[in-house]
Amino acid sequence: MPNGARLIAALSMAALAFVASQLIMPLMPDGTDFGYFIYVNMAIGIVTGWVLMGRRAGGGLVPAINNGLTGMAVMVFWGLFAQGVWEMVRLAMRHRYDGSFEALTAIFTIGLDYFFVMAVPQVLLALAIGGVVAGLATENAHRRWR
């Protein structure tokens, strides 16, 4: 059921995904074509905020912080997975894999490589602070608009 907490969670996670995407883009190799990178990450943030964080709002201050950090971690996981799938499909179209199992395992290898690219202090700090702020904003919206 739509409510204010779900809306604020979705919008705050989309904003966090936008900021994180902007911070990650300069870390990638020169000449990288990002295409729909930001939009896909923002869509994942919206879904994560609406589905995961919005329904868990209403527990208090510490659960709100935990809710924000959990939402951020889930958003990062699904973002890495989605970008890994996209890169695997791109490489598979160029016949880089010998079989389907090799292509499926490449999703996780590529996602792990992307995680190591984004695992720099400014990105991780922005994600942590943004997750806490998103959790607190979601809790505040739940208290205001029941």
N, C-alpha and C. Protein backbone atom coordinates (compact mmCIF):
# COMPACT_ATOMS: atom_id res chain seq x y z
N MET A 1 0.84 -1.17 0.00
CA MET A 1 0.00 0.00 0.00
C MET A 1 0.89 1.24 0.00
N PRO A 2 0.63 2.18 -0.87
CA PRO A 2 1.45 3.39 -0.93
C PRO A 2 1.28 4.24 0.33
N ASN A 3 2.38 4.74 0.81
CA ASN A 3 2.34 5.68 1.92
C ASN A 3 3.54 6.61 1.82
N GLY A 4 3.62 7.58 2.72
CA GLY A 4 4.69 8.56 2.68
C GLY A 4 6.06 7.98 2.91
N ALA A 5 6.15 6.98 3.77
CA ALA A 5 7.45 6.37 4.06
C ALA A 5 8.01 5.67 2.82
N ARG A 6 7.15 4.98 2.09
CA ARG A 6 7.63 4.32 0.87
C ARG A 6 8.08 5.33 -0.17
N LEU A 7 7.34 6.43 -0.30
CA LEU A 7 7.71 7.45 -1.28
C LEU A 7 9.04 8.10 -0.92
N ILE A 8 9.20 8.48 0.33
CA ILE A 8 10.45 9.11 0.75
C ILE A 8 11.60 8.13 0.65
N ALA A 9 11.38 6.87 0.99
CA ALA A 9 12.44 5.87 0.87
C ALA A 9 12.85 5.70 -0.58
N ALA A 10 11.88 5.64 -1.49
CA ALA A 10 12.19 5.47 -2.91
C ALA A 10 12.94 6.67 -3.45
N LEU A 11 12.50 7.87 -3.10
CA LEU A 11 13.17 9.07 -3.60
C LEU A 11 14.57 9.24 -3.01
N SER A 12 14.72 8.94 -1.73
CA SER A 12 16.04 9.10 -1.11
C SER A 12 17.03 8.05 -1.63
N MET A 13 16.56 6.84 -1.88
CA MET A 13 17.46 5.83 -2.43
C MET A 13 17.80 6.13 -3.89
N ALA A 14 16.86 6.71 -4.63
CA ALA A 14 17.17 7.13 -6.00
C ALA A 14 18.22 8.24 -5.99
N ALA A 15 18.09 9.18 -5.05
CA ALA A 15 19.09 10.24 -4.94
C ALA A 15 20.45 9.67 -4.55
N LEU A 16 20.45 8.71 -3.64
CA LEU A 16 21.71 8.08 -3.24
C LEU A 16 22.34 7.33 -4.41
N ALA A 17 21.52 6.65 -5.20
CA ALA A 17 22.04 5.94 -6.38
C ALA A 17 22.61 6.93 -7.39
N PHE A 18 21.97 8.08 -7.55
CA PHE A 18 22.47 9.10 -8.47
C PHE A 18 23.83 9.62 -8.02
N VAL A 19 23.95 9.95 -6.74
CA VAL A 19 25.22 10.47 -6.21
C VAL A 19 26.32 9.42 -6.31
N ALA A 20 26.00 8.19 -5.93
CA ALA A 20 26.99 7.13 -5.99
C ALA A 20 27.43 6.86 -7.44
N SER A 21 26.48 6.89 -8.36
CA SER A 21 26.83 6.68 -9.76
C SER A 21 27.75 7.78 -10.27
N GLN A 22 27.48 9.01 -9.86
CA GLN A 22 28.34 10.12 -10.27
C GLN A 22 29.74 9.99 -9.68
N LEU A 23 29.84 9.43 -8.48
CA LEU A 23 31.15 9.23 -7.87
C LEU A 23 31.91 8.06 -8.49
N ILE A 24 31.19 7.06 -8.98
CA ILE A 24 31.82 5.87 -9.55
C ILE A 24 32.31 6.12 -10.97
N MET A 25 31.61 6.93 -11.72
CA MET A 25 31.94 7.12 -13.13
C MET A 25 33.38 7.57 -13.37
N PRO A 26 33.95 8.50 -12.61
CA PRO A 26 35.35 8.87 -12.87
C PRO A 26 36.35 7.76 -12.52
N LEU A 27 35.94 6.77 -11.74
CA LEU A 27 36.84 5.68 -11.36
C LEU A 27 36.98 4.62 -12.44
N MET A 28 36.08 4.62 -13.39
CA MET A 28 36.11 3.62 -14.46
C MET A 28 37.15 4.02 -15.50
N PRO A 29 37.60 3.06 -16.32
CA PRO A 29 38.61 3.38 -17.34
C PRO A 29 38.11 4.43 -18.34
N ASP A 30 39.04 5.17 -18.91
CA ASP A 30 38.69 6.18 -19.90
C ASP A 30 38.04 5.51 -21.11
N GLY A 31 37.06 6.20 -21.67
CA GLY A 31 36.38 5.68 -22.84
C GLY A 31 35.25 4.72 -22.52
N THR A 32 34.91 4.55 -21.26
CA THR A 32 33.82 3.66 -20.89
C THR A 32 32.50 4.29 -21.31
N ASP A 33 31.68 3.53 -22.01
CA ASP A 33 30.36 3.99 -22.42
C ASP A 33 29.38 3.62 -21.31
N PHE A 34 28.84 4.62 -20.63
CA PHE A 34 27.98 4.35 -19.49
C PHE A 34 26.53 4.12 -19.88
N GLY A 35 26.10 4.64 -21.01
CA GLY A 35 24.74 4.40 -21.47
C GLY A 35 23.70 4.75 -20.43
N TYR A 36 22.95 3.74 -19.99
CA TYR A 36 21.88 3.92 -19.02
C TYR A 36 22.32 3.63 -17.59
N PHE A 37 23.60 3.73 -17.33
CA PHE A 37 24.17 3.39 -16.02
C PHE A 37 23.45 4.10 -14.88
N ILE A 38 23.32 5.40 -14.97
CA ILE A 38 22.70 6.17 -13.89
C ILE A 38 21.23 5.83 -13.76
N TYR A 39 20.53 5.71 -14.89
CA TYR A 39 19.09 5.45 -14.84
C TYR A 39 18.77 4.06 -14.28
N VAL A 40 19.58 3.08 -14.64
CA VAL A 40 19.38 1.73 -14.11
C VAL A 40 19.62 1.72 -12.60
N ASN A 41 20.69 2.39 -12.17
CA ASN A 41 20.98 2.43 -10.73
C ASN A 41 19.90 3.18 -9.97
N MET A 42 19.38 4.25 -10.55
CA MET A 42 18.30 4.98 -9.88
C MET A 42 17.03 4.15 -9.81
N ALA A 43 16.73 3.39 -10.86
CA ALA A 43 15.55 2.52 -10.83
C ALA A 43 15.70 1.44 -9.76
N ILE A 44 16.90 0.89 -9.63
CA ILE A 44 17.15 -0.08 -8.57
C ILE A 44 16.99 0.58 -7.21
N GLY A 45 17.44 1.81 -7.06
CA GLY A 45 17.26 2.54 -5.81
C GLY A 45 15.80 2.78 -5.49
N ILE A 46 15.01 3.13 -6.50
CA ILE A 46 13.57 3.36 -6.28
C ILE A 46 12.89 2.07 -5.82
N VAL A 47 13.17 0.98 -6.49
CA VAL A 47 12.54 -0.30 -6.13
C VAL A 47 12.99 -0.74 -4.74
N THR A 48 14.28 -0.59 -4.46
CA THR A 48 14.78 -0.99 -3.14
C THR A 48 14.15 -0.15 -2.04
N GLY A 49 14.06 1.15 -2.26
CA GLY A 49 13.45 2.01 -1.25
C GLY A 49 11.98 1.71 -1.05
N TRP A 50 11.26 1.54 -2.14
CA TRP A 50 9.82 1.30 -2.04
C TRP A 50 9.51 -0.05 -1.41
N VAL A 51 10.16 -1.09 -1.89
CA VAL A 51 9.82 -2.45 -1.46
C VAL A 51 10.45 -2.78 -0.11
N LEU A 52 11.74 -2.52 0.03
CA LEU A 52 12.44 -2.98 1.23
C LEU A 52 12.33 -1.98 2.38
N MET A 53 12.74 -0.76 2.14
CA MET A 53 12.81 0.20 3.24
C MET A 53 11.45 0.72 3.67
N GLY A 54 10.56 0.96 2.71
CA GLY A 54 9.27 1.54 3.03
C GLY A 54 8.43 0.69 3.94
N ARG A 55 8.47 -0.61 3.75
CA ARG A 55 7.64 -1.48 4.60
C ARG A 55 8.26 -1.75 5.95
N ARG A 56 9.55 -1.47 6.12
CA ARG A 56 10.22 -1.73 7.40
C ARG A 56 10.28 -0.49 8.28
N ALA A 57 9.70 0.61 7.85
CA ALA A 57 9.75 1.85 8.62
C ALA A 57 8.83 1.76 9.84
N GLY A 58 9.19 2.51 10.87
CA GLY A 58 8.33 2.60 12.04
C GLY A 58 8.86 1.94 13.28
N GLY A 59 10.14 1.65 13.34
CA GLY A 59 10.69 0.95 14.49
C GLY A 59 11.42 1.82 15.49
N GLY A 60 11.77 3.03 15.12
CA GLY A 60 12.53 3.89 16.01
C GLY A 60 13.83 4.31 15.37
N LEU A 61 14.70 4.92 16.17
CA LEU A 61 15.93 5.51 15.64
C LEU A 61 16.94 4.46 15.18
N VAL A 62 17.29 3.53 16.03
CA VAL A 62 18.31 2.53 15.67
C VAL A 62 17.81 1.63 14.54
N PRO A 63 16.57 1.13 14.58
CA PRO A 63 16.09 0.36 13.42
C PRO A 63 16.04 1.19 12.13
N ALA A 64 15.82 2.49 12.24
CA ALA A 64 15.82 3.35 11.06
C ALA A 64 17.20 3.41 10.43
N ILE A 65 18.23 3.52 11.26
CA ILE A 65 19.61 3.53 10.75
C ILE A 65 19.93 2.19 10.12
N ASN A 66 19.55 1.12 10.79
CA ASN A 66 19.76 -0.23 10.24
C ASN A 66 19.00 -0.42 8.93
N ASN A 67 17.78 0.11 8.87
CA ASN A 67 16.97 0.03 7.66
C ASN A 67 17.67 0.74 6.51
N GLY A 68 18.22 1.91 6.77
CA GLY A 68 18.92 2.65 5.72
C GLY A 68 20.18 1.95 5.25
N LEU A 69 20.96 1.42 6.19
CA LEU A 69 22.19 0.72 5.80
C LEU A 69 21.87 -0.59 5.06
N THR A 70 20.82 -1.28 5.50
CA THR A 70 20.42 -2.50 4.80
C THR A 70 19.92 -2.18 3.40
N GLY A 71 19.12 -1.14 3.29
CA GLY A 71 18.63 -0.73 1.97
C GLY A 71 19.77 -0.35 1.04
N MET A 72 20.76 0.36 1.57
CA MET A 72 21.92 0.74 0.78
C MET A 72 22.69 -0.49 0.33
N ALA A 73 22.90 -1.45 1.21
CA ALA A 73 23.65 -2.66 0.86
C ALA A 73 22.90 -3.48 -0.19
N VAL A 74 21.59 -3.59 -0.06
CA VAL A 74 20.80 -4.33 -1.03
C VAL A 74 20.83 -3.62 -2.38
N MET A 75 20.75 -2.29 -2.36
CA MET A 75 20.81 -1.53 -3.61
C MET A 75 22.16 -1.73 -4.30
N VAL A 76 23.24 -1.71 -3.54
CA VAL A 76 24.57 -1.92 -4.12
C VAL A 76 24.68 -3.33 -4.70
N PHE A 77 24.18 -4.33 -3.97
CA PHE A 77 24.23 -5.71 -4.47
C PHE A 77 23.50 -5.84 -5.79
N TRP A 78 22.26 -5.36 -5.86
CA TRP A 78 21.48 -5.49 -7.09
C TRP A 78 22.04 -4.62 -8.20
N GLY A 79 22.63 -3.49 -7.85
CA GLY A 79 23.28 -2.67 -8.86
C GLY A 79 24.48 -3.37 -9.47
N LEU A 80 25.31 -3.97 -8.62
CA LEU A 80 26.45 -4.73 -9.13
C LEU A 80 26.00 -5.92 -9.97
N PHE A 81 24.95 -6.57 -9.53
CA PHE A 81 24.43 -7.71 -10.29
C PHE A 81 23.91 -7.26 -11.66
N ALA A 82 23.14 -6.18 -11.68
CA ALA A 82 22.58 -5.70 -12.94
C ALA A 82 23.68 -5.26 -13.90
N GLN A 83 24.66 -4.53 -13.39
CA GLN A 83 25.74 -4.09 -14.26
C GLN A 83 26.59 -5.27 -14.72
N GLY A 84 26.76 -6.28 -13.86
CA GLY A 84 27.48 -7.49 -14.25
C GLY A 84 26.76 -8.26 -15.34
N VAL A 85 25.43 -8.35 -15.23
CA VAL A 85 24.65 -9.03 -16.26
C VAL A 85 24.77 -8.28 -17.58
N TRP A 86 24.67 -6.96 -17.52
CA TRP A 86 24.76 -6.16 -18.74
C TRP A 86 26.11 -6.35 -19.43
N GLU A 87 27.19 -6.32 -18.65
CA GLU A 87 28.52 -6.49 -19.22
C GLU A 87 28.71 -7.92 -19.75
N MET A 88 28.17 -8.89 -19.05
CA MET A 88 28.28 -10.27 -19.52
C MET A 88 27.55 -10.44 -20.84
N VAL A 89 26.37 -9.87 -20.97
CA VAL A 89 25.63 -9.97 -22.23
C VAL A 89 26.41 -9.28 -23.35
N ARG A 90 27.00 -8.13 -23.05
CA ARG A 90 27.79 -7.43 -24.06
C ARG A 90 28.96 -8.29 -24.53
N LEU A 91 29.65 -8.91 -23.58
CA LEU A 91 30.77 -9.77 -23.94
C LEU A 91 30.31 -11.06 -24.62
N ALA A 92 29.16 -11.58 -24.22
CA ALA A 92 28.65 -12.80 -24.83
C ALA A 92 28.28 -12.57 -26.29
N MET A 93 27.83 -11.37 -26.61
CA MET A 93 27.51 -11.06 -28.00
C MET A 93 28.76 -11.00 -28.87
N ARG A 94 29.89 -10.87 -28.24
CA ARG A 94 31.17 -10.87 -28.96
C ARG A 94 31.85 -12.24 -28.89
N HIS A 95 31.11 -13.23 -28.46
CA HIS A 95 31.57 -14.62 -28.39
C HIS A 95 32.81 -14.77 -27.51
N ARG A 96 32.77 -14.19 -26.33
CA ARG A 96 33.90 -14.27 -25.40
C ARG A 96 33.83 -15.49 -24.49
N TYR A 97 32.69 -16.17 -24.45
CA TYR A 97 32.52 -17.29 -23.54
C TYR A 97 32.33 -18.58 -24.33
N ASP A 98 32.86 -19.67 -23.78
CA ASP A 98 32.75 -20.97 -24.44
C ASP A 98 31.42 -21.66 -24.16
N GLY A 99 30.81 -21.35 -23.04
CA GLY A 99 29.55 -22.00 -22.71
C GLY A 99 28.71 -21.12 -21.81
N SER A 100 27.50 -21.60 -21.54
CA SER A 100 26.57 -20.81 -20.73
C SER A 100 27.01 -20.75 -19.26
N PHE A 101 27.60 -21.82 -18.75
CA PHE A 101 28.04 -21.80 -17.35
C PHE A 101 29.17 -20.80 -17.15
N GLU A 102 30.06 -20.71 -18.11
CA GLU A 102 31.14 -19.73 -18.03
C GLU A 102 30.58 -18.31 -18.07
N ALA A 103 29.56 -18.10 -18.87
CA ALA A 103 28.94 -16.77 -18.94
C ALA A 103 28.23 -16.43 -17.63
N LEU A 104 27.54 -17.40 -17.04
CA LEU A 104 26.85 -17.14 -15.77
C LEU A 104 27.83 -16.86 -14.64
N THR A 105 28.93 -17.58 -14.59
CA THR A 105 29.91 -17.30 -13.54
C THR A 105 30.61 -15.98 -13.78
N ALA A 106 30.66 -15.54 -15.02
CA ALA A 106 31.28 -14.25 -15.33
C ALA A 106 30.48 -13.09 -14.74
N ILE A 107 29.18 -13.27 -14.56
CA ILE A 107 28.36 -12.21 -13.95
C ILE A 107 28.93 -11.86 -12.58
N PHE A 108 29.22 -12.86 -11.78
CA PHE A 108 29.70 -12.61 -10.43
C PHE A 108 31.14 -12.11 -10.43
N THR A 109 31.94 -12.59 -11.37
CA THR A 109 33.32 -12.11 -11.48
C THR A 109 33.34 -10.64 -11.88
N ILE A 110 32.50 -10.28 -12.84
CA ILE A 110 32.43 -8.89 -13.28
C ILE A 110 31.88 -8.01 -12.17
N GLY A 111 30.85 -8.48 -11.47
CA GLY A 111 30.30 -7.72 -10.35
C GLY A 111 31.33 -7.51 -9.25
N LEU A 112 32.13 -8.52 -8.98
CA LEU A 112 33.19 -8.38 -7.97
C LEU A 112 34.26 -7.40 -8.43
N ASP A 113 34.59 -7.45 -9.71
CA ASP A 113 35.54 -6.47 -10.24
C ASP A 113 35.01 -5.05 -10.11
N TYR A 114 33.72 -4.87 -10.41
CA TYR A 114 33.11 -3.55 -10.25
C TYR A 114 33.09 -3.11 -8.79
N PHE A 115 32.88 -4.07 -7.88
CA PHE A 115 32.91 -3.72 -6.45
C PHE A 115 34.29 -3.20 -6.06
N PHE A 116 35.34 -3.85 -6.54
CA PHE A 116 36.69 -3.40 -6.19
C PHE A 116 37.00 -2.04 -6.81
N VAL A 117 36.38 -1.73 -7.94
CA VAL A 117 36.56 -0.40 -8.53
C VAL A 117 35.89 0.65 -7.65
N MET A 118 34.70 0.33 -7.14
CA MET A 118 33.96 1.32 -6.36
C MET A 118 34.33 1.33 -4.88
N ALA A 119 35.18 0.42 -4.44
CA ALA A 119 35.53 0.32 -3.02
C ALA A 119 36.65 1.30 -2.67
N VAL A 120 36.36 2.57 -2.86
CA VAL A 120 37.27 3.64 -2.46
C VAL A 120 36.57 4.42 -1.35
N PRO A 121 37.33 5.08 -0.50
CA PRO A 121 36.72 5.72 0.68
C PRO A 121 35.60 6.71 0.36
N GLN A 122 35.76 7.54 -0.68
CA GLN A 122 34.72 8.55 -0.91
C GLN A 122 33.40 7.92 -1.33
N VAL A 123 33.44 6.84 -2.09
CA VAL A 123 32.19 6.18 -2.50
C VAL A 123 31.57 5.44 -1.32
N LEU A 124 32.39 4.69 -0.59
CA LEU A 124 31.85 3.93 0.54
C LEU A 124 31.31 4.85 1.63
N LEU A 125 31.99 5.96 1.86
CA LEU A 125 31.52 6.92 2.87
C LEU A 125 30.22 7.58 2.42
N ALA A 126 30.15 7.95 1.14
CA ALA A 126 28.92 8.54 0.63
C ALA A 126 27.76 7.55 0.71
N LEU A 127 28.02 6.29 0.41
CA LEU A 127 26.97 5.27 0.51
C LEU A 127 26.52 5.08 1.96
N ALA A 128 27.46 5.03 2.88
CA ALA A 128 27.11 4.83 4.29
C ALA A 128 26.32 6.02 4.84
N ILE A 129 26.81 7.22 4.59
CA ILE A 129 26.10 8.40 5.08
C ILE A 129 24.75 8.54 4.41
N GLY A 130 24.70 8.29 3.09
CA GLY A 130 23.43 8.36 2.38
C GLY A 130 22.44 7.31 2.86
N GLY A 131 22.92 6.12 3.18
CA GLY A 131 22.03 5.09 3.70
C GLY A 131 21.44 5.47 5.05
N VAL A 132 22.27 6.03 5.92
CA VAL A 132 21.77 6.47 7.23
C VAL A 132 20.76 7.60 7.06
N VAL A 133 21.06 8.57 6.21
CA VAL A 133 20.14 9.68 5.98
C VAL A 133 18.83 9.18 5.37
N ALA A 134 18.91 8.25 4.43
CA ALA A 134 17.70 7.70 3.82
C ALA A 134 16.86 6.96 4.86
N GLY A 135 17.49 6.21 5.74
CA GLY A 135 16.76 5.52 6.79
C GLY A 135 16.09 6.48 7.75
N LEU A 136 16.80 7.52 8.14
CA LEU A 136 16.21 8.51 9.05
C LEU A 136 15.08 9.29 8.38
N ALA A 137 15.25 9.62 7.10
CA ALA A 137 14.19 10.33 6.38
C ALA A 137 12.95 9.45 6.23
N THR A 138 13.16 8.17 5.99
CA THR A 138 12.04 7.23 5.88
C THR A 138 11.30 7.12 7.21
N GLU A 139 12.05 7.04 8.28
CA GLU A 139 11.43 6.97 9.62
C GLU A 139 10.66 8.24 9.93
N ASN A 140 11.24 9.38 9.59
CA ASN A 140 10.56 10.66 9.81
C ASN A 140 9.27 10.73 9.00
N ALA A 141 9.30 10.29 7.77
CA ALA A 141 8.09 10.30 6.94
C ALA A 141 7.04 9.35 7.51
N HIS A 142 7.48 8.21 8.03
CA HIS A 142 6.52 7.27 8.62
C HIS A 142 5.83 7.90 9.84
N ARG A 143 6.57 8.64 10.64
CA ARG A 143 5.98 9.27 11.82
C ARG A 143 5.05 10.41 11.46
N ARG A 144 5.39 11.15 10.41
CA ARG A 144 4.57 12.30 10.02
C ARG A 144 3.31 11.90 9.28
N TRP A 145 3.41 10.98 8.33
CA TRP A 145 2.30 10.63 7.45
C TRP A 145 1.91 9.18 7.65
N ARG A 146 1.13 8.91 8.65
CA ARG A 146 0.69 7.53 8.89
C ARG A 146 -0.51 7.21 8.08
